[in-house]
């Protein structure tokens, strides 16, 4: 998936969140939910694109 497609997908999620907010009669809540979900989707696609999905360190965060 290209970067443009992932950005369009994130914007679509924000728009869907706005519609949900209108249905719930709280547009700000819908926009906030849409932004949070869109951020997660965007980060997931970018991580997959860079082949960095999952834990890559060998100690799995055990050592300080």
PDB file of N, CA and C in Angstrom:
ATOM      1  N   UNK A   1       0.858  -1.170   0.000  1.00  0.00           N
ATOM      2  CA  UNK A   1       0.000   0.000   0.000  1.00  0.00           C
ATOM      3  C   UNK A   1       0.903   1.230   0.000  1.00  0.00           C
ATOM      4  N   UNK A   2       0.592   2.155  -0.865  1.00  0.00           N
ATOM      5  CA  UNK A   2       1.409   3.353  -0.958  1.00  0.00           C
ATOM      6  C   UNK A   2       1.089   4.312   0.172  1.00  0.00           C
ATOM      7  N   UNK A   3       1.959   5.285   0.344  1.00  0.00           N
ATOM      8  CA  UNK A   3       1.762   6.266   1.392  1.00  0.00           C
ATOM      9  C   UNK A   3       0.481   7.078   1.151  1.00  0.00           C
ATOM     10  N   UNK A   4       0.206   7.395  -0.112  1.00  0.00           N
ATOM     11  CA  UNK A   4      -1.008   8.152  -0.437  1.00  0.00           C
ATOM     12  C   UNK A   4      -2.250   7.368  -0.055  1.00  0.00           C
ATOM     13  N   UNK A   5      -2.242   6.074  -0.333  1.00  0.00           N
ATOM     14  CA  UNK A   5      -3.390   5.243   0.017  1.00  0.00           C
ATOM     15  C   UNK A   5      -3.580   5.165   1.525  1.00  0.00           C
ATOM     16  N   UNK A   6      -2.486   5.066   2.277  1.00  0.00           N
ATOM     17  CA  UNK A   6      -2.625   4.971   3.732  1.00  0.00           C
ATOM     18  C   UNK A   6      -3.103   6.301   4.319  1.00  0.00           C
ATOM     19  N   UNK A   7      -2.673   7.418   3.729  1.00  0.00           N
ATOM     20  CA  UNK A   7      -3.152   8.722   4.202  1.00  0.00           C
ATOM     21  C   UNK A   7      -4.639   8.884   3.883  1.00  0.00           C
ATOM     22  N   UNK A   8      -5.041   8.459   2.690  1.00  0.00           N
ATOM     23  CA  UNK A   8      -6.459   8.523   2.337  1.00  0.00           C
ATOM     24  C   UNK A   8      -7.292   7.626   3.241  1.00  0.00           C
ATOM     25  N   UNK A   9      -6.762   6.462   3.596  1.00  0.00           N
ATOM     26  CA  UNK A   9      -7.468   5.579   4.515  1.00  0.00           C
ATOM     27  C   UNK A   9      -7.619   6.230   5.889  1.00  0.00           C
ATOM     28  N   UNK A  10      -6.566   6.874   6.368  1.00  0.00           N
ATOM     29  CA  UNK A  10      -6.629   7.550   7.666  1.00  0.00           C
ATOM     30  C   UNK A  10      -7.645   8.694   7.628  1.00  0.00           C
ATOM     31  N   UNK A  11      -7.671   9.443   6.520  1.00  0.00           N
ATOM     32  CA  UNK A  11      -8.657  10.525   6.395  1.00  0.00           C
ATOM     33  C   UNK A  11     -10.078   9.970   6.330  1.00  0.00           C
ATOM     34  N   UNK A  12     -10.241   8.828   5.690  1.00  0.00           N
ATOM     35  CA  UNK A  12     -11.553   8.184   5.650  1.00  0.00           C
ATOM     36  C   UNK A  12     -12.017   7.754   7.029  1.00  0.00           C
ATOM     37  N   UNK A  13     -11.082   7.271   7.848  1.00  0.00           N
ATOM     38  CA  UNK A  13     -11.424   6.873   9.215  1.00  0.00           C
ATOM     39  C   UNK A  13     -11.829   8.102  10.029  1.00  0.00           C
ATOM     40  N   UNK A  14     -11.144   9.222   9.821  1.00  0.00           N
ATOM     41  CA  UNK A  14     -11.511  10.458  10.517  1.00  0.00           C
ATOM     42  C   UNK A  14     -12.911  10.900  10.098  1.00  0.00           C
ATOM     43  N   UNK A  15     -13.201  10.823   8.802  1.00  0.00           N
ATOM     44  CA  UNK A  15     -14.533  11.192   8.318  1.00  0.00           C
ATOM     45  C   UNK A  15     -15.594  10.265   8.893  1.00  0.00           C
ATOM     46  N   UNK A  16     -15.307   8.977   8.966  1.00  0.00           N
ATOM     47  CA  UNK A  16     -16.250   8.026   9.553  1.00  0.00           C
ATOM     48  C   UNK A  16     -16.472   8.330  11.037  1.00  0.00           C
ATOM     49  N   UNK A  17     -15.406   8.701  11.736  1.00  0.00           N
ATOM     50  CA  UNK A  17     -15.546   9.087  13.136  1.00  0.00           C
ATOM     51  C   UNK A  17     -16.412  10.323  13.303  1.00  0.00           C
ATOM     52  N   UNK A  18     -16.299  11.265  12.363  1.00  0.00           N
ATOM     53  CA  UNK A  18     -17.140  12.461  12.411  1.00  0.00           C
ATOM     54  C   UNK A  18     -18.600  12.099  12.211  1.00  0.00           C
ATOM     55  N   UNK A  19     -18.875  11.194  11.283  1.00  0.00           N
ATOM     56  CA  UNK A  19     -20.253  10.754  11.054  1.00  0.00           C
ATOM     57  C   UNK A  19     -20.807  10.057  12.295  1.00  0.00           C
ATOM     58  N   UNK A  20     -19.993   9.232  12.926  1.00  0.00           N
ATOM     59  CA  UNK A  20     -20.423   8.573  14.170  1.00  0.00           C
ATOM     60  C   UNK A  20     -20.690   9.615  15.240  1.00  0.00           C
ATOM     61  N   UNK A  21     -19.848  10.648  15.299  1.00  0.00           N
ATOM     62  CA  UNK A  21     -20.065  11.724  16.266  1.00  0.00           C
ATOM     63  C   UNK A  21     -21.366  12.469  16.013  1.00  0.00           C
ATOM     64  N   UNK A  22     -21.712  12.675  14.755  1.00  0.00           N
ATOM     65  CA  UNK A  22     -22.977  13.335  14.430  1.00  0.00           C
ATOM     66  C   UNK A  22     -24.146  12.464  14.863  1.00  0.00           C
ATOM     67  N   UNK A  23     -24.029  11.152  14.647  1.00  0.00           N
ATOM     68  CA  UNK A  23     -25.091  10.232  15.063  1.00  0.00           C
ATOM     69  C   UNK A  23     -25.246  10.250  16.575  1.00  0.00           C
ATOM     70  N   UNK A  24     -24.115  10.308  17.291  1.00  0.00           N
ATOM     71  CA  UNK A  24     -24.158  10.338  18.753  1.00  0.00           C
ATOM     72  C   UNK A  24     -24.415  11.743  19.309  1.00  0.00           C
ATOM     73  N   UNK A  25     -24.565  12.717  18.426  1.00  0.00           N
ATOM     74  CA  UNK A  25     -24.806  14.114  18.771  1.00  0.00           C
ATOM     75  C   UNK A  25     -23.649  14.713  19.569  1.00  0.00           C
ATOM     76  N   UNK A  26     -22.441  14.260  19.268  1.00  0.00           N
ATOM     77  CA  UNK A  26     -21.252  14.818  19.881  1.00  0.00           C
ATOM     78  C   UNK A  26     -20.128  14.756  18.848  1.00  0.00           C
ATOM     79  N   UNK A  27     -20.043  15.784  18.006  1.00  0.00           N
ATOM     80  CA  UNK A  27     -19.099  15.789  16.898  1.00  0.00           C
ATOM     81  C   UNK A  27     -17.663  15.772  17.396  1.00  0.00           C
ATOM     82  N   UNK A  28     -17.373  16.474  18.478  1.00  0.00           N
ATOM     83  CA  UNK A  28     -16.008  16.519  19.002  1.00  0.00           C
ATOM     84  C   UNK A  28     -15.533  15.132  19.427  1.00  0.00           C
ATOM     85  N   UNK A  29     -16.404  14.379  20.063  1.00  0.00           N
ATOM     86  CA  UNK A  29     -16.055  13.012  20.453  1.00  0.00           C
ATOM     87  C   UNK A  29     -15.799  12.151  19.222  1.00  0.00           C
ATOM     88  N   UNK A  30     -16.610  12.301  18.195  1.00  0.00           N
ATOM     89  CA  UNK A  30     -16.420  11.544  16.964  1.00  0.00           C
ATOM     90  C   UNK A  30     -15.113  11.884  16.286  1.00  0.00           C
ATOM     91  N   UNK A  31     -14.777  13.159  16.236  1.00  0.00           N
ATOM     92  CA  UNK A  31     -13.510  13.572  15.624  1.00  0.00           C
ATOM     93  C   UNK A  31     -12.331  13.034  16.434  1.00  0.00           C
ATOM     94  N   UNK A  32     -12.431  13.094  17.752  1.00  0.00           N
ATOM     95  CA  UNK A  32     -11.363  12.581  18.607  1.00  0.00           C
ATOM     96  C   UNK A  32     -11.178  11.078  18.415  1.00  0.00           C
ATOM     97  N   UNK A  33     -12.279  10.330  18.396  1.00  0.00           N
ATOM     98  CA  UNK A  33     -12.179   8.889  18.156  1.00  0.00           C
ATOM     99  C   UNK A  33     -11.610   8.599  16.774  1.00  0.00           C
ATOM    100  N   UNK A  34     -12.060   9.357  15.794  1.00  0.00           N
ATOM    101  CA  UNK A  34     -11.541   9.175  14.438  1.00  0.00           C
ATOM    102  C   UNK A  34     -10.056   9.452  14.350  1.00  0.00           C
ATOM    103  N   UNK A  35      -9.603  10.499  15.024  1.00  0.00           N
ATOM    104  CA  UNK A  35      -8.164  10.821  15.012  1.00  0.00           C
ATOM    105  C   UNK A  35      -7.335   9.733  15.676  1.00  0.00           C
ATOM    106  N   UNK A  36      -7.815   9.225  16.798  1.00  0.00           N
ATOM    107  CA  UNK A  36      -7.073   8.172  17.494  1.00  0.00           C
ATOM    108  C   UNK A  36      -6.992   6.902  16.660  1.00  0.00           C
ATOM    109  N   UNK A  37      -8.097   6.505  16.067  1.00  0.00           N
ATOM    110  CA  UNK A  37      -8.105   5.291  15.243  1.00  0.00           C
ATOM    111  C   UNK A  37      -7.272   5.502  13.982  1.00  0.00           C
ATOM    112  N   UNK A  38      -7.384   6.697  13.374  1.00  0.00           N
ATOM    113  CA  UNK A  38      -6.614   6.986  12.166  1.00  0.00           C
ATOM    114  C   UNK A  38      -5.116   6.982  12.460  1.00  0.00           C
ATOM    115  N   UNK A  39      -4.720   7.490  13.608  1.00  0.00           N
ATOM    116  CA  UNK A  39      -3.310   7.473  13.985  1.00  0.00           C
ATOM    117  C   UNK A  39      -2.813   6.036  14.126  1.00  0.00           C
ATOM    118  N   UNK A  40      -3.607   5.195  14.761  1.00  0.00           N
ATOM    119  CA  UNK A  40      -3.234   3.787  14.900  1.00  0.00           C
ATOM    120  C   UNK A  40      -3.129   3.077  13.565  1.00  0.00           C
ATOM    121  N   UNK A  41      -4.095   3.343  12.670  1.00  0.00           N
ATOM    122  CA  UNK A  41      -4.071   2.726  11.342  1.00  0.00           C
ATOM    123  C   UNK A  41      -2.857   3.202  10.559  1.00  0.00           C
ATOM    124  N   UNK A  42      -2.589   4.489  10.615  1.00  0.00           N
ATOM    125  CA  UNK A  42      -1.454   5.055   9.878  1.00  0.00           C
ATOM    126  C   UNK A  42      -0.138   4.469  10.376  1.00  0.00           C
ATOM    127  N   UNK A  43       0.032   4.383  11.685  1.00  0.00           N
ATOM    128  CA  UNK A  43       1.260   3.811  12.243  1.00  0.00           C
ATOM    129  C   UNK A  43       1.400   2.330  11.895  1.00  0.00           C
ATOM    130  N   UNK A  44       0.289   1.608  11.910  1.00  0.00           N
ATOM    131  CA  UNK A  44       0.343   0.185  11.575  1.00  0.00           C
ATOM    132  C   UNK A  44       0.758  -0.023  10.127  1.00  0.00           C
ATOM    133  N   UNK A  45       0.193   0.756   9.216  1.00  0.00           N
ATOM    134  CA  UNK A  45       0.549   0.593   7.809  1.00  0.00           C
ATOM    135  C   UNK A  45       1.988   1.021   7.543  1.00  0.00           C
ATOM    136  N   UNK A  46       2.436   2.087   8.183  1.00  0.00           N
ATOM    137  CA  UNK A  46       3.813   2.523   7.983  1.00  0.00           C
ATOM    138  C   UNK A  46       4.799   1.523   8.571  1.00  0.00           C
ATOM    139  N   UNK A  47       4.440   0.901   9.692  1.00  0.00           N
ATOM    140  CA  UNK A  47       5.301  -0.109  10.295  1.00  0.00           C
ATOM    141  C   UNK A  47       5.390  -1.331   9.390  1.00  0.00           C
ATOM    142  N   UNK A  48       4.260  -1.729   8.831  1.00  0.00           N
ATOM    143  CA  UNK A  48       4.258  -2.873   7.934  1.00  0.00           C
ATOM    144  C   UNK A  48       5.027  -2.552   6.655  1.00  0.00           C
ATOM    145  N   UNK A  49       4.918  -1.321   6.199  1.00  0.00           N
ATOM    146  CA  UNK A  49       5.606  -0.913   4.981  1.00  0.00           C
ATOM    147  C   UNK A  49       7.117  -0.965   5.163  1.00  0.00           C
ATOM    148  N   UNK A  50       7.588  -0.578   6.342  1.00  0.00           N
ATOM    149  CA  UNK A  50       9.019  -0.613   6.623  1.00  0.00           C
ATOM    150  C   UNK A  50       9.497  -1.956   7.127  1.00  0.00           C
ATOM    151  N   UNK A  51       8.598  -2.929   7.147  1.00  0.00           N
ATOM    152  CA  UNK A  51       8.893  -4.275   7.647  1.00  0.00           C
ATOM    153  C   UNK A  51       9.420  -4.236   9.081  1.00  0.00           C
ATOM    154  N   UNK A  52       8.827  -3.372   9.900  1.00  0.00           N
ATOM    155  CA  UNK A  52       9.226  -3.256  11.298  1.00  0.00           C
ATOM    156  C   UNK A  52       8.110  -3.689  12.238  1.00  0.00           C
ATOM    157  N   UNK A  53       7.170  -4.474  11.766  1.00  0.00           N
ATOM    158  CA  UNK A  53       6.057  -4.889  12.611  1.00  0.00           C
ATOM    159  C   UNK A  53       6.547  -5.873  13.661  1.00  0.00           C
ATOM    160  N   UNK A  54       6.138  -5.678  14.900  1.00  0.00           N
ATOM    161  CA  UNK A  54       6.529  -6.576  15.978  1.00  0.00           C
ATOM    162  C   UNK A  54       7.748  -6.081  16.724  1.00  0.00           C
ATOM    163  N   UNK A  55       8.223  -6.897  17.633  1.00  0.00           N
ATOM    164  CA  UNK A  55       9.380  -6.544  18.450  1.00  0.00           C
ATOM    165  C   UNK A  55      10.639  -6.979  17.720  1.00  0.00           C
ATOM    166  N   UNK A  56      11.569  -6.058  17.550  1.00  0.00           N
ATOM    167  CA  UNK A  56      12.780  -6.369  16.809  1.00  0.00           C
ATOM    168  C   UNK A  56      14.027  -6.438  17.677  1.00  0.00           C
ATOM    169  N   UNK A  57      13.946  -6.034  18.935  1.00  0.00           N
ATOM    170  CA  UNK A  57      15.150  -6.097  19.764  1.00  0.00           C
ATOM    171  C   UNK A  57      15.298  -7.510  20.332  1.00  0.00           C
ATOM    172  N   UNK A  58      16.536  -7.912  20.517  1.00  0.00           N
ATOM    173  CA  UNK A  58      16.796  -9.299  20.907  1.00  0.00           C
ATOM    174  C   UNK A  58      16.532  -9.576  22.379  1.00  0.00           C
ATOM    175  N   UNK A  59      16.575  -8.551  23.229  1.00  0.00           N
ATOM    176  CA  UNK A  59      16.343  -8.781  24.651  1.00  0.00           C
ATOM    177  C   UNK A  59      14.875  -8.599  25.028  1.00  0.00           C
ATOM    178  N   UNK A  60      14.031  -8.230  24.082  1.00  0.00           N
ATOM    179  CA  UNK A  60      12.606  -8.048  24.290  1.00  0.00           C
ATOM    180  C   UNK A  60      12.294  -7.068  25.417  1.00  0.00           C
ATOM    181  N   UNK A  61      13.132  -6.077  25.619  1.00  0.00           N
ATOM    182  CA  UNK A  61      12.867  -5.035  26.605  1.00  0.00           C
ATOM    183  C   UNK A  61      13.148  -5.446  28.035  1.00  0.00           C
ATOM    184  N   UNK A  62      13.859  -6.536  28.238  1.00  0.00           N
ATOM    185  CA  UNK A  62      14.103  -7.025  29.595  1.00  0.00           C
ATOM    186  C   UNK A  62      15.163  -6.190  30.297  1.00  0.00           C
ATOM    187  N   UNK A  63      16.217  -5.837  29.587  1.00  0.00           N
ATOM    188  CA  UNK A  63      17.315  -5.100  30.187  1.00  0.00           C
ATOM    189  C   UNK A  63      17.045  -3.611  30.187  1.00  0.00           C
ATOM    190  N   UNK A  64      17.578  -2.930  31.172  1.00  0.00           N
ATOM    191  CA  UNK A  64      17.436  -1.473  31.237  1.00  0.00           C
ATOM    192  C   UNK A  64      18.596  -0.798  30.555  1.00  0.00           C
TER     193      UNK A  64
END
